[in-house]
Amino acid sequence: MKKTVIALAIAAIAVSPLAAGAGEKEGKITKWETTTRTVTLDDGRTYQFNETVKTEQIKEGARVKVTYAEKDGKYQATKYEILR
Protein backbone atom coordinates (compact mmCIF):
# COMPACT_ATOMS: atom_id res chain seq x y z
CA MET A 1 0.00 0.00 0.00
CA LYS A 2 2.75 2.43 0.95
CA LYS A 3 4.60 1.76 -2.32
CA THR A 4 1.42 2.45 -4.30
CA VAL A 5 0.88 5.79 -2.57
CA ILE A 6 4.49 6.79 -3.20
CA ALA A 7 4.24 5.78 -6.87
CA LEU A 8 1.03 7.80 -7.30
CA ALA A 9 2.62 10.84 -5.64
CA ILE A 10 5.64 10.64 -7.93
CA ALA A 11 3.37 10.33 -10.98
CA ALA A 12 1.33 13.37 -9.89
CA ILE A 13 4.46 15.46 -9.45
CA ALA A 14 5.83 14.36 -12.84
CA VAL A 15 2.60 15.25 -14.67
CA SER A 16 1.90 18.59 -12.97
CA PRO A 17 4.27 20.68 -15.15
CA LEU A 18 2.55 19.32 -18.26
CA ALA A 19 -0.87 20.28 -16.96
CA ALA A 20 0.35 23.78 -16.12
CA GLY A 21 1.00 24.49 -19.79
CA ALA A 22 -2.37 23.19 -21.00
CA GLY A 23 -5.57 25.14 -21.36
CA GLU A 24 -8.70 26.04 -23.28
CA LYS A 25 -9.57 29.30 -24.98
CA GLU A 26 -12.78 30.49 -26.61
CA GLY A 27 -12.88 33.13 -29.28
CA LYS A 28 -13.71 34.15 -32.82
CA ILE A 29 -11.35 33.13 -35.62
CA THR A 30 -9.94 36.22 -37.31
CA LYS A 31 -7.38 34.42 -39.49
CA TRP A 32 -6.96 30.84 -40.74
CA GLU A 33 -3.74 29.85 -42.50
CA THR A 34 -4.27 26.47 -44.16
CA THR A 35 -0.65 26.01 -45.23
CA THR A 36 0.74 26.41 -41.71
CA ARG A 37 -2.41 25.04 -40.01
CA THR A 38 -2.44 28.15 -37.83
CA VAL A 39 -5.50 29.92 -36.46
CA THR A 40 -5.58 33.40 -34.89
CA LEU A 41 -8.34 34.30 -32.46
CA ASP A 42 -9.82 37.74 -31.82
CA ASP A 43 -7.50 38.26 -28.83
CA GLY A 44 -4.49 38.05 -31.19
CA ARG A 45 -3.24 34.72 -29.87
CA THR A 46 -2.15 32.16 -32.49
CA TYR A 47 -2.54 28.38 -32.25
CA GLN A 48 -1.00 25.77 -34.54
CA PHE A 49 -2.72 22.44 -35.18
CA ASN A 50 -0.65 19.32 -35.73
CA GLU A 51 -1.33 16.98 -38.64
CA THR A 52 -3.54 14.62 -36.60
CA VAL A 53 -6.26 17.25 -36.01
CA LYS A 54 -8.94 17.38 -38.72
CA THR A 55 -9.45 21.06 -39.60
CA GLU A 56 -12.12 20.91 -42.32
CA GLN A 57 -14.65 22.85 -40.21
CA ILE A 58 -12.36 25.78 -39.40
CA LYS A 59 -13.43 29.03 -41.08
CA GLU A 60 -12.70 32.69 -40.43
CA GLY A 61 -15.50 34.25 -38.40
CA ALA A 62 -16.43 31.03 -36.57
CA ARG A 63 -16.52 30.94 -32.77
CA VAL A 64 -14.42 28.10 -31.38
CA LYS A 65 -13.09 26.59 -28.19
CA VAL A 66 -9.46 25.54 -28.68
CA THR A 67 -7.73 23.06 -26.40
CA TYR A 68 -4.00 23.64 -26.41
CA ALA A 69 -0.67 22.94 -24.77
CA GLU A 70 2.04 25.56 -24.45
CA LYS A 71 5.42 24.35 -25.68
CA ASP A 72 8.51 26.48 -26.18
CA GLY A 73 6.42 29.64 -25.91
CA LYS A 74 4.04 28.55 -28.68
CA TYR A 75 0.47 27.29 -28.45
CA GLN A 76 0.01 23.81 -29.92
CA ALA A 77 -3.70 23.17 -30.51
CA THR A 78 -4.69 19.59 -29.77
CA LYS A 79 -8.40 19.88 -30.59
CA TYR A 80 -11.17 22.39 -31.19
CA GLU A 81 -14.94 22.70 -30.97
CA ILE A 82 -17.11 24.93 -33.13
CA LEU A 83 -19.44 26.97 -30.87
CA ARG A 84 -22.90 28.12 -31.87
PDB file of N, CA and C in Angstrom:
ATOM      1  N   MET A   1       0.830  -1.203   0.000  1.00  0.00           N
ATOM      2  CA  MET A   1       0.000   0.000   0.000  1.00  0.00           C
ATOM      3  C   MET A   1       0.866   1.255   0.000  1.00  0.00           C
ATOM      4  N   LYS A   2       1.880   1.259   0.855  1.00  0.00           N
ATOM      5  CA  LYS A   2       2.749   2.430   0.952  1.00  0.00           C
ATOM      6  C   LYS A   2       3.471   2.685  -0.368  1.00  0.00           C
ATOM      7  N   LYS A   3       3.913   1.613  -1.034  1.00  0.00           N
ATOM      8  CA  LYS A   3       4.602   1.758  -2.318  1.00  0.00           C
ATOM      9  C   LYS A   3       3.660   2.329  -3.383  1.00  0.00           C
ATOM     10  N   THR A   4       2.399   1.928  -3.344  1.00  0.00           N
ATOM     11  CA  THR A   4       1.416   2.446  -4.297  1.00  0.00           C
ATOM     12  C   THR A   4       1.197   3.936  -4.107  1.00  0.00           C
ATOM     13  N   VAL A   5       1.070   4.372  -2.868  1.00  0.00           N
ATOM     14  CA  VAL A   5       0.878   5.790  -2.574  1.00  0.00           C
ATOM     15  C   VAL A   5       2.085   6.602  -3.032  1.00  0.00           C
ATOM     16  N   ILE A   6       3.269   6.092  -2.776  1.00  0.00           N
ATOM     17  CA  ILE A   6       4.488   6.792  -3.198  1.00  0.00           C
ATOM     18  C   ILE A   6       4.551   6.872  -4.725  1.00  0.00           C
ATOM     19  N   ALA A   7       4.215   5.782  -5.397  1.00  0.00           N
ATOM     20  CA  ALA A   7       4.237   5.782  -6.868  1.00  0.00           C
ATOM     21  C   ALA A   7       3.228   6.777  -7.427  1.00  0.00           C
ATOM     22  N   LEU A   8       2.038   6.838  -6.835  1.00  0.00           N
ATOM     23  CA  LEU A   8       1.033   7.795  -7.297  1.00  0.00           C
ATOM     24  C   LEU A   8       1.475   9.235  -7.056  1.00  0.00           C
ATOM     25  N   ALA A   9       2.121   9.497  -5.934  1.00  0.00           N
ATOM     26  CA  ALA A   9       2.620  10.841  -5.636  1.00  0.00           C
ATOM     27  C   ALA A   9       3.691  11.254  -6.638  1.00  0.00           C
ATOM     28  N   ILE A  10       4.584  10.352  -6.950  1.00  0.00           N
ATOM     29  CA  ILE A  10       5.640  10.644  -7.929  1.00  0.00           C
ATOM     30  C   ILE A  10       5.024  10.919  -9.306  1.00  0.00           C
ATOM     31  N   ALA A  11       4.024  10.125  -9.686  1.00  0.00           N
ATOM     32  CA  ALA A  11       3.367  10.332 -10.979  1.00  0.00           C
ATOM     33  C   ALA A  11       2.665  11.684 -11.021  1.00  0.00           C
ATOM     34  N   ALA A  12       2.016  12.081  -9.937  1.00  0.00           N
ATOM     35  CA  ALA A  12       1.326  13.373  -9.892  1.00  0.00           C
ATOM     36  C   ALA A  12       2.313  14.523 -10.012  1.00  0.00           C
ATOM     37  N   ILE A  13       3.442  14.404  -9.377  1.00  0.00           N
ATOM     38  CA  ILE A  13       4.461  15.460  -9.455  1.00  0.00           C
ATOM     39  C   ILE A  13       5.042  15.533 -10.862  1.00  0.00           C
ATOM     40  N   ALA A  14       5.248  14.388 -11.487  1.00  0.00           N
ATOM     41  CA  ALA A  14       5.830  14.363 -12.838  1.00  0.00           C
ATOM     42  C   ALA A  14       4.879  14.956 -13.872  1.00  0.00           C
ATOM     43  N   VAL A  15       3.587  14.777 -13.696  1.00  0.00           N
ATOM     44  CA  VAL A  15       2.601  15.247 -14.674  1.00  0.00           C
ATOM     45  C   VAL A  15       2.234  16.710 -14.457  1.00  0.00           C
ATOM     46  N   SER A  16       2.359  17.236 -13.275  1.00  0.00           N
ATOM     47  CA  SER A  16       1.902  18.595 -12.973  1.00  0.00           C
ATOM     48  C   SER A  16       2.508  19.676 -13.859  1.00  0.00           C
ATOM     49  N   PRO A  17       3.775  19.645 -14.236  1.00  0.00           N
ATOM     50  CA  PRO A  17       4.273  20.682 -15.147  1.00  0.00           C
ATOM     51  C   PRO A  17       3.611  20.625 -16.519  1.00  0.00           C
ATOM     52  N   LEU A  18       3.230  19.439 -16.970  1.00  0.00           N
ATOM     53  CA  LEU A  18       2.550  19.324 -18.260  1.00  0.00           C
ATOM     54  C   LEU A  18       1.169  19.953 -18.194  1.00  0.00           C
ATOM     55  N   ALA A  19       0.473  19.722 -17.104  1.00  0.00           N
ATOM     56  CA  ALA A  19      -0.865  20.280 -16.959  1.00  0.00           C
ATOM     57  C   ALA A  19      -0.820  21.796 -16.838  1.00  0.00           C
ATOM     58  N   ALA A  20       0.238  22.330 -16.283  1.00  0.00           N
ATOM     59  CA  ALA A  20       0.351  23.777 -16.115  1.00  0.00           C
ATOM     60  C   ALA A  20       0.396  24.503 -17.451  1.00  0.00           C
ATOM     61  N   GLY A  21       0.897  23.847 -18.491  1.00  0.00           N
ATOM     62  CA  GLY A  21       0.995  24.485 -19.791  1.00  0.00           C
ATOM     63  C   GLY A  21      -0.200  24.245 -20.684  1.00  0.00           C
ATOM     64  N   ALA A  22      -1.199  23.520 -20.191  1.00  0.00           N
ATOM     65  CA  ALA A  22      -2.375  23.194 -21.000  1.00  0.00           C
ATOM     66  C   ALA A  22      -3.523  24.130 -20.664  1.00  0.00           C
ATOM     67  N   GLY A  23      -4.430  24.288 -21.634  1.00  0.00           N
ATOM     68  CA  GLY A  23      -5.572  25.138 -21.363  1.00  0.00           C
ATOM     69  C   GLY A  23      -6.595  25.094 -22.477  1.00  0.00           C
ATOM     70  N   GLU A  24      -7.647  25.873 -22.278  1.00  0.00           N
ATOM     71  CA  GLU A  24      -8.697  26.038 -23.279  1.00  0.00           C
ATOM     72  C   GLU A  24      -8.957  27.524 -23.459  1.00  0.00           C
ATOM     73  N   LYS A  25      -9.300  27.901 -24.663  1.00  0.00           N
ATOM     74  CA  LYS A  25      -9.574  29.299 -24.975  1.00  0.00           C
ATOM     75  C   LYS A  25     -10.726  29.367 -25.957  1.00  0.00           C
ATOM     76  N   GLU A  26     -11.676  30.256 -25.686  1.00  0.00           N
ATOM     77  CA  GLU A  26     -12.783  30.486 -26.606  1.00  0.00           C
ATOM     78  C   GLU A  26     -12.576  31.820 -27.299  1.00  0.00           C
ATOM     79  N   GLY A  27     -12.980  31.878 -28.550  1.00  0.00           N
ATOM     80  CA  GLY A  27     -12.882  33.127 -29.282  1.00  0.00           C
ATOM     81  C   GLY A  27     -13.351  32.985 -30.710  1.00  0.00           C
ATOM     82  N   LYS A  28     -13.309  34.099 -31.412  1.00  0.00           N
ATOM     83  CA  LYS A  28     -13.705  34.148 -32.820  1.00  0.00           C
ATOM     84  C   LYS A  28     -12.446  34.075 -33.678  1.00  0.00           C
ATOM     85  N   ILE A  29     -12.495  33.274 -34.722  1.00  0.00           N
ATOM     86  CA  ILE A  29     -11.350  33.127 -35.622  1.00  0.00           C
ATOM     87  C   ILE A  29     -11.267  34.362 -36.521  1.00  0.00           C
ATOM     88  N   THR A  30     -10.140  35.051 -36.447  1.00  0.00           N
ATOM     89  CA  THR A  30      -9.939  36.220 -37.306  1.00  0.00           C
ATOM     90  C   THR A  30      -9.053  35.892 -38.504  1.00  0.00           C
ATOM     91  N   LYS A  31      -8.263  34.799 -38.387  1.00  0.00           N
ATOM     92  CA  LYS A  31      -7.376  34.419 -39.489  1.00  0.00           C
ATOM     93  C   LYS A  31      -7.147  32.917 -39.444  1.00  0.00           C
ATOM     94  N   TRP A  32      -7.207  32.276 -40.619  1.00  0.00           N
ATOM     95  CA  TRP A  32      -6.964  30.843 -40.744  1.00  0.00           C
ATOM     96  C   TRP A  32      -5.985  30.623 -41.882  1.00  0.00           C
ATOM     97  N   GLU A  33      -4.805  30.130 -41.528  1.00  0.00           N
ATOM     98  CA  GLU A  33      -3.743  29.849 -42.504  1.00  0.00           C
ATOM     99  C   GLU A  33      -3.701  28.343 -42.745  1.00  0.00           C
ATOM    100  N   THR A  34      -4.209  27.901 -43.890  1.00  0.00           N
ATOM    101  CA  THR A  34      -4.271  26.466 -44.163  1.00  0.00           C
ATOM    102  C   THR A  34      -2.897  25.840 -44.376  1.00  0.00           C
ATOM    103  N   THR A  35      -1.971  26.585 -44.946  1.00  0.00           N
ATOM    104  CA  THR A  35      -0.650  26.011 -45.234  1.00  0.00           C
ATOM    105  C   THR A  35       0.145  25.739 -43.964  1.00  0.00           C
ATOM    106  N   THR A  36       0.009  26.612 -42.972  1.00  0.00           N
ATOM    107  CA  THR A  36       0.737  26.410 -41.714  1.00  0.00           C
ATOM    108  C   THR A  36      -0.136  25.791 -40.635  1.00  0.00           C
ATOM    109  N   ARG A  37      -1.440  25.593 -40.960  1.00  0.00           N
ATOM    110  CA  ARG A  37      -2.410  25.040 -40.011  1.00  0.00           C
ATOM    111  C   ARG A  37      -2.460  25.879 -38.736  1.00  0.00           C
ATOM    112  N   THR A  38      -2.474  27.205 -38.942  1.00  0.00           N
ATOM    113  CA  THR A  38      -2.445  28.152 -37.833  1.00  0.00           C
ATOM    114  C   THR A  38      -3.720  28.985 -37.819  1.00  0.00           C
ATOM    115  N   VAL A  39      -4.306  29.121 -36.632  1.00  0.00           N
ATOM    116  CA  VAL A  39      -5.504  29.917 -36.458  1.00  0.00           C
ATOM    117  C   VAL A  39      -5.195  31.052 -35.478  1.00  0.00           C
ATOM    118  N   THR A  40      -5.718  32.244 -35.782  1.00  0.00           N
ATOM    119  CA  THR A  40      -5.575  33.397 -34.891  1.00  0.00           C
ATOM    120  C   THR A  40      -6.960  33.763 -34.385  1.00  0.00           C
ATOM    121  N   LEU A  41      -7.073  33.918 -33.061  1.00  0.00           N
ATOM    122  CA  LEU A  41      -8.342  34.301 -32.457  1.00  0.00           C
ATOM    123  C   LEU A  41      -8.410  35.807 -32.286  1.00  0.00           C
ATOM    124  N   ASP A  42      -9.595  36.298 -31.929  1.00  0.00           N
ATOM    125  CA  ASP A  42      -9.818  37.741 -31.819  1.00  0.00           C
ATOM    126  C   ASP A  42      -9.019  38.419 -30.711  1.00  0.00           C
ATOM    127  N   ASP A  43      -8.375  37.658 -29.835  1.00  0.00           N
ATOM    128  CA  ASP A  43      -7.498  38.258 -28.828  1.00  0.00           C
ATOM    129  C   ASP A  43      -6.061  38.393 -29.335  1.00  0.00           C
ATOM    130  N   GLY A  44      -5.817  37.945 -30.590  1.00  0.00           N
ATOM    131  CA  GLY A  44      -4.491  38.048 -31.190  1.00  0.00           C
ATOM    132  C   GLY A  44      -3.606  36.834 -30.979  1.00  0.00           C
ATOM    133  N   ARG A  45      -4.043  35.912 -30.148  1.00  0.00           N
ATOM    134  CA  ARG A  45      -3.241  34.725 -29.872  1.00  0.00           C
ATOM    135  C   ARG A  45      -3.350  33.739 -31.029  1.00  0.00           C
ATOM    136  N   THR A  46      -2.233  33.085 -31.366  1.00  0.00           N
ATOM    137  CA  THR A  46      -2.149  32.160 -32.489  1.00  0.00           C
ATOM    138  C   THR A  46      -1.933  30.741 -31.990  1.00  0.00           C
ATOM    139  N   TYR A  47      -2.633  29.791 -32.605  1.00  0.00           N
ATOM    140  CA  TYR A  47      -2.544  28.376 -32.249  1.00  0.00           C
ATOM    141  C   TYR A  47      -2.245  27.578 -33.503  1.00  0.00           C
ATOM    142  N   GLN A  48      -1.336  26.618 -33.393  1.00  0.00           N
ATOM    143  CA  GLN A  48      -1.004  25.775 -34.536  1.00  0.00           C
ATOM    144  C   GLN A  48      -1.499  24.357 -34.272  1.00  0.00           C
ATOM    145  N   PHE A  49      -2.212  23.805 -35.270  1.00  0.00           N
ATOM    146  CA  PHE A  49      -2.721  22.442 -35.182  1.00  0.00           C
ATOM    147  C   PHE A  49      -1.716  21.478 -35.784  1.00  0.00           C
ATOM    148  N   ASN A  50      -1.524  20.330 -35.133  1.00  0.00           N
ATOM    149  CA  ASN A  50      -0.646  19.323 -35.726  1.00  0.00           C
ATOM    150  C   ASN A  50      -1.417  18.557 -36.790  1.00  0.00           C
ATOM    151  N   GLU A  51      -0.753  17.686 -37.496  1.00  0.00           N
ATOM    152  CA  GLU A  51      -1.333  16.982 -38.642  1.00  0.00           C
ATOM    153  C   GLU A  51      -2.443  16.003 -38.259  1.00  0.00           C
ATOM    154  N   THR A  52      -2.531  15.602 -37.004  1.00  0.00           N
ATOM    155  CA  THR A  52      -3.543  14.623 -36.597  1.00  0.00           C
ATOM    156  C   THR A  52      -4.920  15.248 -36.370  1.00  0.00           C
ATOM    157  N   VAL A  53      -4.989  16.570 -36.254  1.00  0.00           N
ATOM    158  CA  VAL A  53      -6.263  17.250 -36.014  1.00  0.00           C
ATOM    159  C   VAL A  53      -6.932  17.551 -37.349  1.00  0.00           C
ATOM    160  N   LYS A  54      -8.166  17.105 -37.501  1.00  0.00           N
ATOM    161  CA  LYS A  54      -8.936  17.381 -38.723  1.00  0.00           C
ATOM    162  C   LYS A  54      -9.451  18.822 -38.645  1.00  0.00           C
ATOM    163  N   THR A  55      -9.137  19.627 -39.652  1.00  0.00           N
ATOM    164  CA  THR A  55      -9.446  21.061 -39.603  1.00  0.00           C
ATOM    165  C   THR A  55     -10.440  21.500 -40.680  1.00  0.00           C
ATOM    166  N   GLU A  56     -11.203  20.573 -41.237  1.00  0.00           N
ATOM    167  CA  GLU A  56     -12.120  20.909 -42.323  1.00  0.00           C
ATOM    168  C   GLU A  56     -13.180  21.932 -41.919  1.00  0.00           C
ATOM    169  N   GLN A  57     -13.581  21.959 -40.657  1.00  0.00           N
ATOM    170  CA  GLN A  57     -14.655  22.851 -40.212  1.00  0.00           C
ATOM    171  C   GLN A  57     -14.170  24.251 -39.839  1.00  0.00           C
ATOM    172  N   ILE A  58     -12.878  24.483 -39.812  1.00  0.00           N
ATOM    173  CA  ILE A  58     -12.357  25.783 -39.400  1.00  0.00           C
ATOM    174  C   ILE A  58     -12.568  26.803 -40.508  1.00  0.00           C
ATOM    175  N   LYS A  59     -13.185  27.937 -40.127  1.00  0.00           N
ATOM    176  CA  LYS A  59     -13.427  29.034 -41.076  1.00  0.00           C
ATOM    177  C   LYS A  59     -13.281  30.352 -40.328  1.00  0.00           C
ATOM    178  N   GLU A  60     -12.771  31.360 -41.023  1.00  0.00           N
ATOM    179  CA  GLU A  60     -12.702  32.694 -40.428  1.00  0.00           C
ATOM    180  C   GLU A  60     -14.100  33.149 -40.053  1.00  0.00           C
ATOM    181  N   GLY A  61     -14.219  33.765 -38.886  1.00  0.00           N
ATOM    182  CA  GLY A  61     -15.501  34.250 -38.403  1.00  0.00           C
ATOM    183  C   GLY A  61     -16.207  33.289 -37.469  1.00  0.00           C
ATOM    184  N   ALA A  62     -15.797  32.020 -37.452  1.00  0.00           N
ATOM    185  CA  ALA A  62     -16.432  31.033 -36.571  1.00  0.00           C
ATOM    186  C   ALA A  62     -15.977  31.234 -35.123  1.00  0.00           C
ATOM    187  N   ARG A  63     -16.878  30.941 -34.191  1.00  0.00           N
ATOM    188  CA  ARG A  63     -16.522  30.937 -32.765  1.00  0.00           C
ATOM    189  C   ARG A  63     -16.098  29.519 -32.407  1.00  0.00           C
ATOM    190  N   VAL A  64     -14.969  29.405 -31.721  1.00  0.00           N
ATOM    191  CA  VAL A  64     -14.420  28.097 -31.377  1.00  0.00           C
ATOM    192  C   VAL A  64     -13.932  28.057 -29.933  1.00  0.00           C
ATOM    193  N   LYS A  65     -13.807  26.843 -29.445  1.00  0.00           N
ATOM    194  CA  LYS A  65     -13.088  26.593 -28.194  1.00  0.00           C
ATOM    195  C   LYS A  65     -11.895  25.737 -28.583  1.00  0.00           C
ATOM    196  N   VAL A  66     -10.696  26.226 -28.312  1.00  0.00           N
ATOM    197  CA  VAL A  66      -9.464  25.541 -28.676  1.00  0.00           C
ATOM    198  C   VAL A  66      -8.842  24.960 -27.409  1.00  0.00           C
ATOM    199  N   THR A  67      -8.494  23.690 -27.472  1.00  0.00           N
ATOM    200  CA  THR A  67      -7.732  23.059 -26.397  1.00  0.00           C
ATOM    201  C   THR A  67      -6.283  23.035 -26.857  1.00  0.00           C
ATOM    202  N   TYR A  68      -5.390  23.478 -25.990  1.00  0.00           N
ATOM    203  CA  TYR A  68      -3.999  23.639 -26.410  1.00  0.00           C
ATOM    204  C   TYR A  68      -3.031  23.289 -25.296  1.00  0.00           C
ATOM    205  N   ALA A  69      -1.785  23.117 -25.694  1.00  0.00           N
ATOM    206  CA  ALA A  69      -0.668  22.945 -24.767  1.00  0.00           C
ATOM    207  C   ALA A  69       0.386  23.972 -25.158  1.00  0.00           C
ATOM    208  N   GLU A  70       0.988  24.584 -24.168  1.00  0.00           N
ATOM    209  CA  GLU A  70       2.044  25.556 -24.447  1.00  0.00           C
ATOM    210  C   GLU A  70       3.375  24.826 -24.457  1.00  0.00           C
ATOM    211  N   LYS A  71       4.120  25.008 -25.546  1.00  0.00           N
ATOM    212  CA  LYS A  71       5.418  24.350 -25.679  1.00  0.00           C
ATOM    213  C   LYS A  71       6.390  25.316 -26.331  1.00  0.00           C
ATOM    214  N   ASP A  72       7.481  25.570 -25.672  1.00  0.00           N
ATOM    215  CA  ASP A  72       8.514  26.480 -26.180  1.00  0.00           C
ATOM    216  C   ASP A  72       7.945  27.852 -26.523  1.00  0.00           C
ATOM    217  N   GLY A  73       7.005  28.323 -25.707  1.00  0.00           N
ATOM    218  CA  GLY A  73       6.425  29.641 -25.907  1.00  0.00           C
ATOM    219  C   GLY A  73       5.384  29.725 -27.014  1.00  0.00           C
ATOM    220  N   LYS A  74       5.036  28.585 -27.604  1.00  0.00           N
ATOM    221  CA  LYS A  74       4.038  28.548 -28.675  1.00  0.00           C
ATOM    222  C   LYS A  74       2.851  27.727 -28.208  1.00  0.00           C
ATOM    223  N   TYR A  75       1.692  27.998 -28.802  1.00  0.00           N
ATOM    224  CA  TYR A  75       0.475  27.287 -28.454  1.00  0.00           C
ATOM    225  C   TYR A  75       0.188  26.206 -29.490  1.00  0.00           C
ATOM    226  N   GLN A  76       0.264  24.960 -29.063  1.00  0.00           N
ATOM    227  CA  GLN A  76       0.014  23.812 -29.920  1.00  0.00           C
ATOM    228  C   GLN A  76      -1.410  23.339 -29.686  1.00  0.00           C
ATOM    229  N   ALA A  77      -2.305  23.555 -30.649  1.00  0.00           N
ATOM    230  CA  ALA A  77      -3.698  23.167 -30.511  1.00  0.00           C
ATOM    231  C   ALA A  77      -3.833  21.655 -30.677  1.00  0.00           C
ATOM    232  N   THR A  78      -4.517  21.037 -29.726  1.00  0.00           N
ATOM    233  CA  THR A  78      -4.688  19.586 -29.772  1.00  0.00           C
ATOM    234  C   THR A  78      -6.091  19.195 -30.220  1.00  0.00           C
ATOM    235  N   LYS A  79      -7.054  20.104 -30.066  1.00  0.00           N
ATOM    236  CA  LYS A  79      -8.403  19.885 -30.595  1.00  0.00           C
ATOM    237  C   LYS A  79      -9.167  21.204 -30.542  1.00  0.00           C
ATOM    238  N   TYR A  80     -10.327  21.195 -31.190  1.00  0.00           N
ATOM    239  CA  TYR A  80     -11.169  22.392 -31.194  1.00  0.00           C
ATOM    240  C   TYR A  80     -12.632  21.972 -31.260  1.00  0.00           C
ATOM    241  N   GLU A  81     -13.492  22.905 -30.903  1.00  0.00           N
ATOM    242  CA  GLU A  81     -14.939  22.696 -30.974  1.00  0.00           C
ATOM    243  C   GLU A  81     -15.552  23.966 -31.544  1.00  0.00           C
ATOM    244  N   ILE A  82     -16.391  23.801 -32.562  1.00  0.00           N
ATOM    245  CA  ILE A  82     -17.113  24.934 -33.133  1.00  0.00           C
ATOM    246  C   ILE A  82     -18.275  25.263 -32.178  1.00  0.00           C
ATOM    247  N   LEU A  83     -18.376  26.525 -31.780  1.00  0.00           N
ATOM    248  CA  LEU A  83     -19.440  26.968 -30.874  1.00  0.00           C
ATOM    249  C   LEU A  83     -20.554  27.616 -31.674  1.00  0.00           C
ATOM    250  N   ARG A  84     -21.732  27.520 -31.201  1.00  0.00           N
ATOM    251  CA  ARG A  84     -22.904  28.123 -31.869  1.00  0.00           C
ATOM    252  C   ARG A  84     -23.260  29.415 -31.209  1.00  0.00           C
TER     253      ARG A  84
END
